[in-house]
C-alpha cells in the first residue's frame, strides 16, 4: 500500500485516540453528531474513516496466514498499528458501524 491510501490512513489515524481506546472514535463521533444536527451542507466528517474501512475490507483476501474474514487484522495493517491496537479496534468499533448507519439514513432522507 503506497501513496494516497497511506496518506489517508495516516490522516485518519491522527484523529483517533489510540491512547484512550474506549474513546478512540470519540472526537470523530462528536463531529458527526454536530453534522447530523447542523445544516449538512458539507460532506459528513465520517467519510475519511469510512474510506479507510473500505480500504481494509478490500484487502481481505486470505494469504494463508490470516483468514480472509479477519477484518480487524487488515484494518490494523492499513493503520500500521500493532496487536494491542487491533484488539482495541475490534472491541470499540461500534461507533464506526453507527457512522455507516447515519450515512445511509441521511442518504435516504436526502433523495
PDB file of N, CA and C in Angstrom:
ATOM      1  N   UNK A   1       0.854  -1.164   0.000  1.00  0.00           N
ATOM      2  CA  UNK A   1       0.000   0.000   0.000  1.00  0.00           C
ATOM      3  C   UNK A   1       0.902   1.229   0.000  1.00  0.00           C
ATOM      4  N   UNK A   2       0.714   2.079  -1.004  1.00  0.00           N
ATOM      5  CA  UNK A   2       1.564   3.264  -1.139  1.00  0.00           C
ATOM      6  C   UNK A   2       0.730   4.472  -1.516  1.00  0.00           C
ATOM      7  N   UNK A   3       1.310   5.647  -1.382  1.00  0.00           N
ATOM      8  CA  UNK A   3       0.705   6.865  -1.870  1.00  0.00           C
ATOM      9  C   UNK A   3      -0.529   7.306  -1.113  1.00  0.00           C
ATOM     10  N   UNK A   4      -1.584   7.594  -1.876  1.00  0.00           N
ATOM     11  CA  UNK A   4      -2.808   8.146  -1.316  1.00  0.00           C
ATOM     12  C   UNK A   4      -3.408   7.290  -0.201  1.00  0.00           C
ATOM     13  N   UNK A   5      -3.500   5.947  -0.347  1.00  0.00           N
ATOM     14  CA  UNK A   5      -4.056   5.168   0.770  1.00  0.00           C
ATOM     15  C   UNK A   5      -3.280   5.341   2.078  1.00  0.00           C
ATOM     16  N   UNK A   6      -1.963   5.426   1.995  1.00  0.00           N
ATOM     17  CA  UNK A   6      -1.145   5.615   3.192  1.00  0.00           C
ATOM     18  C   UNK A   6      -1.402   6.995   3.790  1.00  0.00           C
ATOM     19  N   UNK A   7      -1.471   8.005   2.957  1.00  0.00           N
ATOM     20  CA  UNK A   7      -1.722   9.366   3.438  1.00  0.00           C
ATOM     21  C   UNK A   7      -3.110   9.462   4.065  1.00  0.00           C
ATOM     22  N   UNK A   8      -4.095   8.824   3.451  1.00  0.00           N
ATOM     23  CA  UNK A   8      -5.448   8.828   4.005  1.00  0.00           C
ATOM     24  C   UNK A   8      -5.475   8.127   5.356  1.00  0.00           C
ATOM     25  N   UNK A   9      -4.887   6.940   5.433  1.00  0.00           N
ATOM     26  CA  UNK A   9      -4.864   6.198   6.695  1.00  0.00           C
ATOM     27  C   UNK A   9      -4.152   7.004   7.781  1.00  0.00           C
ATOM     28  N   UNK A  10      -3.071   7.677   7.442  1.00  0.00           N
ATOM     29  CA  UNK A  10      -2.352   8.491   8.422  1.00  0.00           C
ATOM     30  C   UNK A  10      -3.211   9.675   8.876  1.00  0.00           C
ATOM     31  N   UNK A  11      -3.866  10.345   7.924  1.00  0.00           N
ATOM     32  CA  UNK A  11      -4.703  11.493   8.273  1.00  0.00           C
ATOM     33  C   UNK A  11      -5.841  11.088   9.213  1.00  0.00           C
ATOM     34  N   UNK A  12      -6.417   9.920   8.980  1.00  0.00           N
ATOM     35  CA  UNK A  12      -7.484   9.440   9.859  1.00  0.00           C
ATOM     36  C   UNK A  12      -6.901   9.016  11.201  1.00  0.00           C
ATOM     37  N   UNK A  13      -5.774   8.328  11.172  1.00  0.00           N
ATOM     38  CA  UNK A  13      -5.159   7.805  12.390  1.00  0.00           C
ATOM     39  C   UNK A  13      -4.857   8.901  13.405  1.00  0.00           C
ATOM     40  N   UNK A  14      -4.401  10.048  12.936  1.00  0.00           N
ATOM     41  CA  UNK A  14      -4.064  11.124  13.875  1.00  0.00           C
ATOM     42  C   UNK A  14      -5.307  11.723  14.529  1.00  0.00           C
ATOM     43  N   UNK A  15      -6.484  11.452  13.980  1.00  0.00           N
ATOM     44  CA  UNK A  15      -7.737  11.925  14.570  1.00  0.00           C
ATOM     45  C   UNK A  15      -8.297  10.950  15.613  1.00  0.00           C
ATOM     46  N   UNK A  16      -7.717   9.764  15.716  1.00  0.00           N
ATOM     47  CA  UNK A  16      -8.208   8.755  16.648  1.00  0.00           C
ATOM     48  C   UNK A  16      -7.432   8.824  17.957  1.00  0.00           C
ATOM     49  N   UNK A  17      -8.095   8.451  19.035  1.00  0.00           N
ATOM     50  CA  UNK A  17      -7.465   8.454  20.361  1.00  0.00           C
ATOM     51  C   UNK A  17      -6.938   7.053  20.662  1.00  0.00           C
ATOM     52  N   UNK A  18      -5.784   6.716  20.113  1.00  0.00           N
ATOM     53  CA  UNK A  18      -5.192   5.393  20.317  1.00  0.00           C
ATOM     54  C   UNK A  18      -4.836   5.169  21.779  1.00  0.00           C
ATOM     55  N   UNK A  19      -4.543   6.248  22.494  1.00  0.00           N
ATOM     56  CA  UNK A  19      -4.152   6.137  23.901  1.00  0.00           C
ATOM     57  C   UNK A  19      -5.348   5.996  24.844  1.00  0.00           C
ATOM     58  N   UNK A  20      -6.551   6.195  24.339  1.00  0.00           N
ATOM     59  CA  UNK A  20      -7.785   6.044  25.122  1.00  0.00           C
ATOM     60  C   UNK A  20      -8.768   5.190  24.321  1.00  0.00           C
ATOM     61  N   UNK A  21      -8.566   3.886  24.310  1.00  0.00           N
ATOM     62  CA  UNK A  21      -9.343   3.008  23.432  1.00  0.00           C
ATOM     63  C   UNK A  21     -10.850   3.160  23.545  1.00  0.00           C
ATOM     64  N   UNK A  22     -11.378   3.346  24.746  1.00  0.00           N
ATOM     65  CA  UNK A  22     -12.836   3.465  24.875  1.00  0.00           C
ATOM     66  C   UNK A  22     -13.362   4.734  24.207  1.00  0.00           C
ATOM     67  N   UNK A  23     -12.474   5.701  23.975  1.00  0.00           N
ATOM     68  CA  UNK A  23     -12.835   6.951  23.313  1.00  0.00           C
ATOM     69  C   UNK A  23     -12.140   7.093  21.956  1.00  0.00           C
ATOM     70  N   UNK A  24     -11.698   5.974  21.414  1.00  0.00           N
ATOM     71  CA  UNK A  24     -10.913   6.000  20.180  1.00  0.00           C
ATOM     72  C   UNK A  24     -11.573   6.835  19.083  1.00  0.00           C
ATOM     73  N   UNK A  25     -12.872   6.665  18.916  1.00  0.00           N
ATOM     74  CA  UNK A  25     -13.592   7.362  17.863  1.00  0.00           C
ATOM     75  C   UNK A  25     -14.408   8.541  18.397  1.00  0.00           C
ATOM     76  N   UNK A  26     -14.133   8.954  19.637  1.00  0.00           N
ATOM     77  CA  UNK A  26     -14.928   9.977  20.304  1.00  0.00           C
ATOM     78  C   UNK A  26     -14.961  11.310  19.594  1.00  0.00           C
ATOM     79  N   UNK A  27     -13.807  11.819  19.210  1.00  0.00           N
ATOM     80  CA  UNK A  27     -13.732  13.129  18.559  1.00  0.00           C
ATOM     81  C   UNK A  27     -14.505  13.101  17.251  1.00  0.00           C
ATOM     82  N   UNK A  28     -14.311  12.066  16.479  1.00  0.00           N
ATOM     83  CA  UNK A  28     -14.996  11.961  15.196  1.00  0.00           C
ATOM     84  C   UNK A  28     -16.501  11.750  15.394  1.00  0.00           C
ATOM     85  N   UNK A  29     -16.871  10.965  16.390  1.00  0.00           N
ATOM     86  CA  UNK A  29     -18.296  10.762  16.685  1.00  0.00           C
ATOM     87  C   UNK A  29     -18.968  12.078  17.050  1.00  0.00           C
ATOM     88  N   UNK A  30     -18.276  12.906  17.828  1.00  0.00           N
ATOM     89  CA  UNK A  30     -18.822  14.209  18.200  1.00  0.00           C
ATOM     90  C   UNK A  30     -19.018  15.085  16.963  1.00  0.00           C
ATOM     91  N   UNK A  31     -18.041  15.102  16.095  1.00  0.00           N
ATOM     92  CA  UNK A  31     -18.147  15.890  14.871  1.00  0.00           C
ATOM     93  C   UNK A  31     -19.275  15.384  13.982  1.00  0.00           C
ATOM     94  N   UNK A  32     -19.495  14.076  13.982  1.00  0.00           N
ATOM     95  CA  UNK A  32     -20.597  13.503  13.194  1.00  0.00           C
ATOM     96  C   UNK A  32     -21.953  13.919  13.767  1.00  0.00           C
ATOM     97  N   UNK A  33     -22.063  13.933  15.093  1.00  0.00           N
ATOM     98  CA  UNK A  33     -23.320  14.392  15.723  1.00  0.00           C
ATOM     99  C   UNK A  33     -23.577  15.860  15.381  1.00  0.00           C
ATOM    100  N   UNK A  34     -22.525  16.672  15.417  1.00  0.00           N
ATOM    101  CA  UNK A  34     -22.674  18.081  15.047  1.00  0.00           C
ATOM    102  C   UNK A  34     -23.143  18.207  13.604  1.00  0.00           C
ATOM    103  N   UNK A  35     -22.607  17.365  12.727  1.00  0.00           N
ATOM    104  CA  UNK A  35     -23.013  17.378  11.324  1.00  0.00           C
ATOM    105  C   UNK A  35     -24.485  16.989  11.183  1.00  0.00           C
ATOM    106  N   UNK A  36     -24.909  15.942  11.886  1.00  0.00           N
ATOM    107  CA  UNK A  36     -26.298  15.469  11.819  1.00  0.00           C
ATOM    108  C   UNK A  36     -27.259  16.576  12.220  1.00  0.00           C
ATOM    109  N   UNK A  37     -26.942  17.297  13.296  1.00  0.00           N
ATOM    110  CA  UNK A  37     -27.836  18.331  13.802  1.00  0.00           C
ATOM    111  C   UNK A  37     -27.585  19.704  13.186  1.00  0.00           C
ATOM    112  N   UNK A  38     -26.583  19.784  12.313  1.00  0.00           N
ATOM    113  CA  UNK A  38     -26.281  21.041  11.642  1.00  0.00           C
ATOM    114  C   UNK A  38     -26.992  21.130  10.303  1.00  0.00           C
ATOM    115  N   UNK A  39     -26.450  21.929   9.411  1.00  0.00           N
ATOM    116  CA  UNK A  39     -27.124  22.123   8.121  1.00  0.00           C
ATOM    117  C   UNK A  39     -26.737  21.071   7.074  1.00  0.00           C
ATOM    118  N   UNK A  40     -25.736  20.262   7.371  1.00  0.00           N
ATOM    119  CA  UNK A  40     -25.289  19.169   6.500  1.00  0.00           C
ATOM    120  C   UNK A  40     -24.939  19.654   5.081  1.00  0.00           C
ATOM    121  N   UNK A  41     -24.473  20.893   4.973  1.00  0.00           N
ATOM    122  CA  UNK A  41     -24.097  21.406   3.657  1.00  0.00           C
ATOM    123  C   UNK A  41     -22.733  20.886   3.207  1.00  0.00           C
ATOM    124  N   UNK A  42     -21.950  20.400   4.144  1.00  0.00           N
ATOM    125  CA  UNK A  42     -20.643  19.820   3.836  1.00  0.00           C
ATOM    126  C   UNK A  42     -20.734  18.296   3.884  1.00  0.00           C
ATOM    127  N   UNK A  43     -19.733  17.639   3.389  1.00  0.00           N
ATOM    128  CA  UNK A  43     -19.687  16.177   3.446  1.00  0.00           C
ATOM    129  C   UNK A  43     -19.599  15.724   4.908  1.00  0.00           C
ATOM    130  N   UNK A  44     -20.146  14.562   5.217  1.00  0.00           N
ATOM    131  CA  UNK A  44     -20.053  14.060   6.589  1.00  0.00           C
ATOM    132  C   UNK A  44     -18.595  13.890   7.018  1.00  0.00           C
ATOM    133  N   UNK A  45     -18.257  14.265   8.239  1.00  0.00           N
ATOM    134  CA  UNK A  45     -16.872  14.132   8.705  1.00  0.00           C
ATOM    135  C   UNK A  45     -16.426  12.682   8.828  1.00  0.00           C
ATOM    136  N   UNK A  46     -17.336  11.748   8.741  1.00  0.00           N
ATOM    137  CA  UNK A  46     -17.001  10.325   8.837  1.00  0.00           C
ATOM    138  C   UNK A  46     -16.408   9.762   7.552  1.00  0.00           C
ATOM    139  N   UNK A  47     -16.534  10.460   6.436  1.00  0.00           N
ATOM    140  CA  UNK A  47     -16.138   9.883   5.150  1.00  0.00           C
ATOM    141  C   UNK A  47     -14.689   9.386   5.093  1.00  0.00           C
ATOM    142  N   UNK A  48     -13.702  10.119   5.596  1.00  0.00           N
ATOM    143  CA  UNK A  48     -12.336   9.578   5.536  1.00  0.00           C
ATOM    144  C   UNK A  48     -12.180   8.257   6.304  1.00  0.00           C
ATOM    145  N   UNK A  49     -12.759   8.177   7.493  1.00  0.00           N
ATOM    146  CA  UNK A  49     -12.676   6.930   8.264  1.00  0.00           C
ATOM    147  C   UNK A  49     -13.400   5.803   7.535  1.00  0.00           C
ATOM    148  N   UNK A  50     -14.549   6.092   6.980  1.00  0.00           N
ATOM    149  CA  UNK A  50     -15.285   5.062   6.256  1.00  0.00           C
ATOM    150  C   UNK A  50     -14.514   4.612   5.013  1.00  0.00           C
ATOM    151  N   UNK A  51     -13.814   5.536   4.375  1.00  0.00           N
ATOM    152  CA  UNK A  51     -12.977   5.178   3.227  1.00  0.00           C
ATOM    153  C   UNK A  51     -11.853   4.234   3.652  1.00  0.00           C
ATOM    154  N   UNK A  52     -11.250   4.499   4.799  1.00  0.00           N
ATOM    155  CA  UNK A  52     -10.197   3.617   5.311  1.00  0.00           C
ATOM    156  C   UNK A  52     -10.774   2.236   5.631  1.00  0.00           C
ATOM    157  N   UNK A  53     -11.989   2.205   6.160  1.00  0.00           N
ATOM    158  CA  UNK A  53     -12.599   0.909   6.466  1.00  0.00           C
ATOM    159  C   UNK A  53     -12.876   0.116   5.192  1.00  0.00           C
ATOM    160  N   UNK A  54     -13.238   0.799   4.110  1.00  0.00           N
ATOM    161  CA  UNK A  54     -13.438   0.123   2.821  1.00  0.00           C
ATOM    162  C   UNK A  54     -12.095  -0.360   2.282  1.00  0.00           C
ATOM    163  N   UNK A  55     -11.074   0.452   2.440  1.00  0.00           N
ATOM    164  CA  UNK A  55      -9.731   0.057   2.001  1.00  0.00           C
ATOM    165  C   UNK A  55      -9.301  -1.234   2.695  1.00  0.00           C
ATOM    166  N   UNK A  56      -9.535  -1.328   3.996  1.00  0.00           N
ATOM    167  CA  UNK A  56      -9.188  -2.542   4.739  1.00  0.00           C
ATOM    168  C   UNK A  56     -10.004  -3.726   4.244  1.00  0.00           C
ATOM    169  N   UNK A  57     -11.285  -3.519   4.022  1.00  0.00           N
ATOM    170  CA  UNK A  57     -12.146  -4.610   3.547  1.00  0.00           C
ATOM    171  C   UNK A  57     -11.713  -5.091   2.174  1.00  0.00           C
ATOM    172  N   UNK A  58     -11.190  -4.196   1.352  1.00  0.00           N
ATOM    173  CA  UNK A  58     -10.756  -4.593   0.000  1.00  0.00           C
ATOM    174  C   UNK A  58      -9.501  -5.461   0.030  1.00  0.00           C
ATOM    175  N   UNK A  59      -8.838  -5.528   1.169  1.00  0.00           N
ATOM    176  CA  UNK A  59      -7.608  -6.307   1.300  1.00  0.00           C
ATOM    177  C   UNK A  59      -7.823  -7.614   2.062  1.00  0.00           C
ATOM    178  N   UNK A  60      -9.054  -8.081   2.100  1.00  0.00           N
ATOM    179  CA  UNK A  60      -9.370  -9.235   2.937  1.00  0.00           C
ATOM    180  C   UNK A  60      -9.135 -10.596   2.284  1.00  0.00           C
ATOM    181  N   UNK A  61      -8.513 -10.654   1.138  1.00  0.00           N
ATOM    182  CA  UNK A  61      -8.212 -11.949   0.545  1.00  0.00           C
ATOM    183  C   UNK A  61      -7.267 -12.712   1.474  1.00  0.00           C
ATOM    184  N   UNK A  62      -7.522 -13.989   1.657  1.00  0.00           N
ATOM    185  CA  UNK A  62      -6.701 -14.798   2.555  1.00  0.00           C
ATOM    186  C   UNK A  62      -5.295 -14.953   1.984  1.00  0.00           C
ATOM    187  N   UNK A  63      -4.307 -14.851   2.843  1.00  0.00           N
ATOM    188  CA  UNK A  63      -2.923 -15.026   2.400  1.00  0.00           C
ATOM    189  C   UNK A  63      -2.301 -16.299   2.964  1.00  0.00           C
ATOM    190  N   UNK A  64      -3.126 -17.187   3.507  1.00  0.00           N
ATOM    191  CA  UNK A  64      -2.617 -18.426   4.070  1.00  0.00           C
ATOM    192  C   UNK A  64      -2.341 -18.329   5.558  1.00  0.00           C
ATOM    193  N   UNK A  65      -2.037 -17.144   6.050  1.00  0.00           N
ATOM    194  CA  UNK A  65      -1.772 -16.956   7.472  1.00  0.00           C
ATOM    195  C   UNK A  65      -2.917 -16.236   8.171  1.00  0.00           C
ATOM    196  N   UNK A  66      -3.592 -15.375   7.444  1.00  0.00           N
ATOM    197  CA  UNK A  66      -4.685 -14.595   8.010  1.00  0.00           C
ATOM    198  C   UNK A  66      -5.959 -14.956   7.260  1.00  0.00           C
ATOM    199  N   UNK A  67      -6.986 -15.330   7.984  1.00  0.00           N
ATOM    200  CA  UNK A  67      -8.268 -15.655   7.375  1.00  0.00           C
ATOM    201  C   UNK A  67      -8.810 -14.433   6.646  1.00  0.00           C
ATOM    202  N   UNK A  68      -9.412 -14.674   5.498  1.00  0.00           N
ATOM    203  CA  UNK A  68      -9.984 -13.561   4.737  1.00  0.00           C
ATOM    204  C   UNK A  68     -11.107 -12.871   5.505  1.00  0.00           C
ATOM    205  N   UNK A  69     -11.644 -13.524   6.533  1.00  0.00           N
ATOM    206  CA  UNK A  69     -12.736 -12.926   7.300  1.00  0.00           C
ATOM    207  C   UNK A  69     -12.253 -12.096   8.493  1.00  0.00           C
ATOM    208  N   UNK A  70     -10.956 -12.029   8.722  1.00  0.00           N
ATOM    209  CA  UNK A  70     -10.459 -11.272   9.867  1.00  0.00           C
ATOM    210  C   UNK A  70     -10.212  -9.813   9.485  1.00  0.00           C
ATOM    211  N   UNK A  71     -11.274  -9.073   9.451  1.00  0.00           N
ATOM    212  CA  UNK A  71     -11.257  -7.676   9.033  1.00  0.00           C
ATOM    213  C   UNK A  71     -10.326  -6.812   9.885  1.00  0.00           C
ATOM    214  N   UNK A  72     -10.305  -7.050  11.186  1.00  0.00           N
ATOM    215  CA  UNK A  72      -9.546  -6.168  12.076  1.00  0.00           C
ATOM    216  C   UNK A  72      -8.040  -6.316  11.897  1.00  0.00           C
ATOM    217  N   UNK A  73      -7.578  -7.464  11.445  1.00  0.00           N
ATOM    218  CA  UNK A  73      -6.158  -7.603  11.108  1.00  0.00           C
ATOM    219  C   UNK A  73      -5.841  -6.680   9.940  1.00  0.00           C
ATOM    220  N   UNK A  74      -6.703  -6.707   8.932  1.00  0.00           N
ATOM    221  CA  UNK A  74      -6.480  -5.845   7.758  1.00  0.00           C
ATOM    222  C   UNK A  74      -6.584  -4.363   8.126  1.00  0.00           C
ATOM    223  N   UNK A  75      -7.546  -4.024   8.969  1.00  0.00           N
ATOM    224  CA  UNK A  75      -7.701  -2.630   9.379  1.00  0.00           C
ATOM    225  C   UNK A  75      -6.469  -2.164  10.147  1.00  0.00           C
ATOM    226  N   UNK A  76      -5.954  -3.001  11.031  1.00  0.00           N
ATOM    227  CA  UNK A  76      -4.735  -2.654  11.773  1.00  0.00           C
ATOM    228  C   UNK A  76      -3.560  -2.479  10.812  1.00  0.00           C
ATOM    229  N   UNK A  77      -3.480  -3.311   9.791  1.00  0.00           N
ATOM    230  CA  UNK A  77      -2.409  -3.175   8.798  1.00  0.00           C
ATOM    231  C   UNK A  77      -2.521  -1.850   8.054  1.00  0.00           C
ATOM    232  N   UNK A  78      -3.729  -1.475   7.671  1.00  0.00           N
ATOM    233  CA  UNK A  78      -3.923  -0.209   6.967  1.00  0.00           C
ATOM    234  C   UNK A  78      -3.481   0.958   7.850  1.00  0.00           C
ATOM    235  N   UNK A  79      -3.823   0.904   9.129  1.00  0.00           N
ATOM    236  CA  UNK A  79      -3.415   1.965  10.055  1.00  0.00           C
ATOM    237  C   UNK A  79      -1.951   1.837  10.478  1.00  0.00           C
ATOM    238  N   UNK A  80      -1.340   0.692  10.234  1.00  0.00           N
ATOM    239  CA  UNK A  80       0.054   0.495  10.627  1.00  0.00           C
ATOM    240  C   UNK A  80       0.237   0.384  12.124  1.00  0.00           C
ATOM    241  N   UNK A  81      -0.728  -0.261  12.791  1.00  0.00           N
ATOM    242  CA  UNK A  81      -0.662  -0.410  14.243  1.00  0.00           C
ATOM    243  C   UNK A  81      -0.497  -1.882  14.616  1.00  0.00           C
ATOM    244  N   UNK A  82      -0.198  -2.132  15.883  1.00  0.00           N
ATOM    245  CA  UNK A  82       0.105  -3.472  16.359  1.00  0.00           C
ATOM    246  C   UNK A  82      -1.078  -4.227  16.936  1.00  0.00           C
ATOM    247  N   UNK A  83      -0.740  -5.304  17.616  1.00  0.00           N
ATOM    248  CA  UNK A  83      -1.718  -6.238  18.174  1.00  0.00           C
ATOM    249  C   UNK A  83      -2.661  -5.583  19.180  1.00  0.00           C
ATOM    250  N   UNK A  84      -2.131  -4.771  20.081  1.00  0.00           N
ATOM    251  CA  UNK A  84      -2.977  -4.137  21.101  1.00  0.00           C
ATOM    252  C   UNK A  84      -3.995  -3.202  20.459  1.00  0.00           C
ATOM    253  N   UNK A  85      -3.549  -2.421  19.501  1.00  0.00           N
ATOM    254  CA  UNK A  85      -4.460  -1.502  18.822  1.00  0.00           C
ATOM    255  C   UNK A  85      -5.490  -2.262  17.981  1.00  0.00           C
ATOM    256  N   UNK A  86      -5.080  -3.380  17.391  1.00  0.00           N
ATOM    257  CA  UNK A  86      -6.020  -4.204  16.635  1.00  0.00           C
ATOM    258  C   UNK A  86      -7.133  -4.694  17.551  1.00  0.00           C
ATOM    259  N   UNK A  87      -6.752  -5.129  18.735  1.00  0.00           N
ATOM    260  CA  UNK A  87      -7.749  -5.568  19.710  1.00  0.00           C
ATOM    261  C   UNK A  87      -8.687  -4.408  20.068  1.00  0.00           C
ATOM    262  N   UNK A  88      -8.134  -3.227  20.267  1.00  0.00           N
ATOM    263  CA  UNK A  88      -8.953  -2.058  20.592  1.00  0.00           C
ATOM    264  C   UNK A  88      -9.889  -1.700  19.440  1.00  0.00           C
ATOM    265  N   UNK A  89      -9.397  -1.782  18.203  1.00  0.00           N
ATOM    266  CA  UNK A  89     -10.262  -1.516  17.055  1.00  0.00           C
ATOM    267  C   UNK A  89     -11.463  -2.452  17.064  1.00  0.00           C
ATOM    268  N   UNK A  90     -11.194  -3.730  17.285  1.00  0.00           N
ATOM    269  CA  UNK A  90     -12.268  -4.729  17.289  1.00  0.00           C
ATOM    270  C   UNK A  90     -13.251  -4.486  18.439  1.00  0.00           C
ATOM    271  N   UNK A  91     -12.737  -4.187  19.604  1.00  0.00           N
ATOM    272  CA  UNK A  91     -13.564  -4.028  20.797  1.00  0.00           C
ATOM    273  C   UNK A  91     -14.416  -2.762  20.750  1.00  0.00           C
ATOM    274  N   UNK A  92     -13.875  -1.688  20.221  1.00  0.00           N
ATOM    275  CA  UNK A  92     -14.541  -0.391  20.286  1.00  0.00           C
ATOM    276  C   UNK A  92     -14.975   0.140  18.914  1.00  0.00           C
ATOM    277  N   UNK A  93     -15.299  -0.747  17.986  1.00  0.00           N
ATOM    278  CA  UNK A  93     -15.617  -0.370  16.606  1.00  0.00           C
ATOM    279  C   UNK A  93     -17.072   0.060  16.408  1.00  0.00           C
ATOM    280  N   UNK A  94     -17.924  -0.118  17.395  1.00  0.00           N
ATOM    281  CA  UNK A  94     -19.359   0.187  17.252  1.00  0.00           C
ATOM    282  C   UNK A  94     -19.642   1.606  16.733  1.00  0.00           C
ATOM    283  N   UNK A  95     -18.901   2.627  17.161  1.00  0.00           N
ATOM    284  CA  UNK A  95     -19.188   3.964  16.618  1.00  0.00           C
ATOM    285  C   UNK A  95     -19.022   4.042  15.098  1.00  0.00           C
ATOM    286  N   UNK A  96     -18.118   3.241  14.551  1.00  0.00           N
ATOM    287  CA  UNK A  96     -17.920   3.266  13.098  1.00  0.00           C
ATOM    288  C   UNK A  96     -19.134   2.659  12.399  1.00  0.00           C
ATOM    289  N   UNK A  97     -19.656   1.582  12.957  1.00  0.00           N
ATOM    290  CA  UNK A  97     -20.884   0.996  12.404  1.00  0.00           C
ATOM    291  C   UNK A  97     -22.014   2.020  12.449  1.00  0.00           C
ATOM    292  N   UNK A  98     -22.098   2.785  13.523  1.00  0.00           N
ATOM    293  CA  UNK A  98     -23.122   3.830  13.638  1.00  0.00           C
ATOM    294  C   UNK A  98     -22.914   4.912  12.580  1.00  0.00           C
ATOM    295  N   UNK A  99     -21.661   5.220  12.253  1.00  0.00           N
ATOM    296  CA  UNK A  99     -21.383   6.209  11.217  1.00  0.00           C
ATOM    297  C   UNK A  99     -21.888   5.732   9.865  1.00  0.00           C
ATOM    298  N   UNK A 100     -21.719   4.440   9.588  1.00  0.00           N
ATOM    299  CA  UNK A 100     -22.255   3.872   8.341  1.00  0.00           C
ATOM    300  C   UNK A 100     -23.771   3.998   8.323  1.00  0.00           C
ATOM    301  N   UNK A 101     -24.414   3.696   9.437  1.00  0.00           N
ATOM    302  CA  UNK A 101     -25.879   3.770   9.506  1.00  0.00           C
ATOM    303  C   UNK A 101     -26.360   5.211   9.329  1.00  0.00           C
ATOM    304  N   UNK A 102     -25.679   6.148   9.941  1.00  0.00           N
ATOM    305  CA  UNK A 102     -26.054   7.556   9.803  1.00  0.00           C
ATOM    306  C   UNK A 102     -25.907   8.001   8.358  1.00  0.00           C
ATOM    307  N   UNK A 103     -24.825   7.610   7.722  1.00  0.00           N
ATOM    308  CA  UNK A 103     -24.601   7.973   6.332  1.00  0.00           C
ATOM    309  C   UNK A 103     -25.711   7.401   5.453  1.00  0.00           C
ATOM    310  N   UNK A 104     -26.082   6.170   5.689  1.00  0.00           N
ATOM    311  CA  UNK A 104     -27.144   5.524   4.918  1.00  0.00           C
ATOM    312  C   UNK A 104     -28.488   6.223   5.169  1.00  0.00           C
ATOM    313  N   UNK A 105     -28.784   6.547   6.407  1.00  0.00           N
ATOM    314  CA  UNK A 105     -30.041   7.204   6.742  1.00  0.00           C
ATOM    315  C   UNK A 105     -30.147   8.559   6.053  1.00  0.00           C
ATOM    316  N   UNK A 106     -29.094   9.374   6.128  1.00  0.00           N
ATOM    317  CA  UNK A 106     -29.168  10.700   5.540  1.00  0.00           C
ATOM    318  C   UNK A 106     -29.103  10.663   4.031  1.00  0.00           C
ATOM    319  N   UNK A 107     -28.489   9.661   3.461  1.00  0.00           N
ATOM    320  CA  UNK A 107     -28.531   9.492   2.007  1.00  0.00           C
ATOM    321  C   UNK A 107     -29.971   9.204   1.586  1.00  0.00           C
ATOM    322  N   UNK A 108     -30.643   8.353   2.334  1.00  0.00           N
ATOM    323  CA  UNK A 108     -32.037   8.010   2.044  1.00  0.00           C
ATOM    324  C   UNK A 108     -32.944   9.230   2.198  1.00  0.00           C
ATOM    325  N   UNK A 109     -32.777   9.989   3.264  1.00  0.00           N
ATOM    326  CA  UNK A 109     -33.629  11.147   3.521  1.00  0.00           C
ATOM    327  C   UNK A 109     -33.443  12.263   2.508  1.00  0.00           C
ATOM    328  N   UNK A 110     -32.246  12.381   1.955  1.00  0.00           N
ATOM    329  CA  UNK A 110     -31.944  13.468   1.034  1.00  0.00           C
ATOM    330  C   UNK A 110     -32.450  13.179  -0.381  1.00  0.00           C
ATOM    331  N   UNK A 111     -32.863  11.968  -0.651  1.00  0.00           N
ATOM    332  CA  UNK A 111     -33.340  11.622  -2.006  1.00  0.00           C
ATOM    333  C   UNK A 111     -34.701  12.161  -2.275  1.00  0.00           C
TER     334      UNK A 111
END
